[in-house]
Amino acid sequence: MVSFKIESLKCCIHLVNVNTFAAVKVFRNKIRVDFSLSRLIENKRIKKSIQMSAHRYLYHVDIFEAEEIDKELMGWIGEAYSKFNLKAG
């Protein structure tokens, strides 16, 4: 079972477990979903990518239609949740 909390900030909404694994920003004509992964993705849906460290990349995906929230996007968000939310033992 996936467990996380939602943090509402002035700038955006954070999805948080141990760490923030995704953020949603609302614009007039779109929403932007940001997430971090430990691998490079080359995909036309990625609006912007930033290499944060040797093994961490931040991605921005713009959503204009509900249909764009699909298995591919949810897979990336699920991967972000899994990779950056392991509790220290």
Protein backbone atom coordinates (compact mmCIF):
# COMPACT_ATOMS: atom_id res chain seq x y z
CA MET A 1 0.00 0.00 0.00
CA VAL A 2 1.29 3.44 -0.95
CA SER A 3 1.25 5.96 1.88
CA PHE A 4 2.06 9.65 1.55
CA LYS A 5 0.87 13.02 2.71
CA ILE A 6 -0.12 16.08 0.74
CA GLU A 7 1.50 19.39 1.65
CA SER A 8 -0.22 22.47 0.27
CA LEU A 9 2.22 25.34 -0.20
CA LYS A 10 1.77 28.77 -1.79
CA CYS A 11 3.68 27.69 -4.90
CA CYS A 12 2.49 24.13 -5.32
CA ILE A 13 1.30 20.89 -3.80
CA HIS A 14 3.97 18.44 -2.58
CA LEU A 15 3.48 14.70 -2.36
CA VAL A 16 5.60 13.52 0.57
CA ASN A 17 6.47 10.25 2.23
CA VAL A 18 9.95 10.34 3.77
CA ASN A 19 10.94 12.91 1.13
CA THR A 20 9.07 14.97 -1.43
CA PHE A 21 8.78 12.68 -4.44
CA ALA A 22 6.52 14.81 -6.63
CA ALA A 23 5.04 18.28 -6.87
CA VAL A 24 2.07 19.69 -8.75
CA LYS A 25 1.93 23.33 -9.83
CA VAL A 26 -1.25 24.87 -11.20
CA PHE A 27 -1.12 27.36 -14.07
CA ARG A 28 -3.91 29.05 -15.99
CA ASN A 29 -3.98 26.54 -18.86
CA LYS A 30 -2.04 23.54 -17.50
CA ILE A 31 -0.67 21.77 -14.50
CA ARG A 32 3.01 20.91 -14.15
CA VAL A 33 4.09 17.70 -12.48
CA ASP A 34 7.65 17.60 -11.14
CA PHE A 35 9.39 14.44 -9.94
CA SER A 36 12.93 13.12 -9.39
CA LEU A 37 14.45 9.89 -10.63
CA SER A 38 17.86 8.29 -10.40
CA ARG A 39 18.06 7.80 -14.16
CA LEU A 40 17.96 9.88 -17.29
CA ILE A 41 14.70 9.88 -19.26
CA GLU A 42 14.63 11.03 -22.86
CA ASN A 43 10.98 11.46 -23.76
CA LYS A 44 9.10 14.13 -25.69
CA ARG A 45 6.70 14.58 -22.75
CA ILE A 46 9.50 15.85 -20.53
CA LYS A 47 9.31 19.64 -20.76
CA LYS A 48 12.53 20.17 -18.82
CA SER A 49 15.09 18.01 -17.04
CA ILE A 50 17.76 19.12 -14.59
CA GLN A 51 20.64 16.96 -13.40
CA MET A 52 20.64 17.61 -9.65
CA SER A 53 23.58 15.30 -8.85
CA ALA A 54 25.44 12.36 -10.35
CA HIS A 55 22.43 10.09 -9.87
CA ARG A 56 19.43 12.38 -9.53
CA TYR A 57 17.42 14.10 -12.22
CA LEU A 58 14.47 16.47 -11.79
CA TYR A 59 11.77 16.34 -14.47
CA HIS A 60 8.94 18.69 -15.41
CA VAL A 61 5.92 17.38 -17.34
CA ASP A 62 3.17 19.76 -18.45
CA ILE A 63 -0.40 18.41 -18.48
CA PHE A 64 -3.02 20.08 -20.67
CA GLU A 65 -5.67 17.31 -20.84
CA ALA A 66 -6.83 14.73 -18.28
CA GLU A 67 -5.87 11.92 -20.68
CA GLU A 68 -2.21 12.90 -20.27
CA ILE A 69 -2.31 11.57 -16.70
CA ASP A 70 -1.68 8.04 -17.90
CA LYS A 71 0.21 4.86 -17.01
CA GLU A 72 3.52 6.28 -18.23
CA LEU A 73 3.31 9.40 -16.02
CA MET A 74 2.00 7.44 -13.04
CA GLY A 75 4.84 4.94 -13.53
CA TRP A 76 7.42 7.73 -13.30
CA ILE A 77 5.75 9.11 -10.17
CA GLY A 78 5.60 5.62 -8.66
CA GLU A 79 9.29 5.14 -9.41
CA ALA A 80 10.08 8.49 -7.75
CA TYR A 81 8.09 7.41 -4.69
CA SER A 82 9.98 4.10 -4.51
CA LYS A 83 13.49 5.43 -5.16
CA PHE A 84 13.58 8.40 -2.78
CA ASN A 85 11.38 7.28 0.10
CA LEU A 86 13.27 4.43 1.68
CA LYS A 87 13.48 4.89 5.42
CA ALA A 88 16.94 4.71 6.92
CA GLY A 89 17.41 1.44 8.79
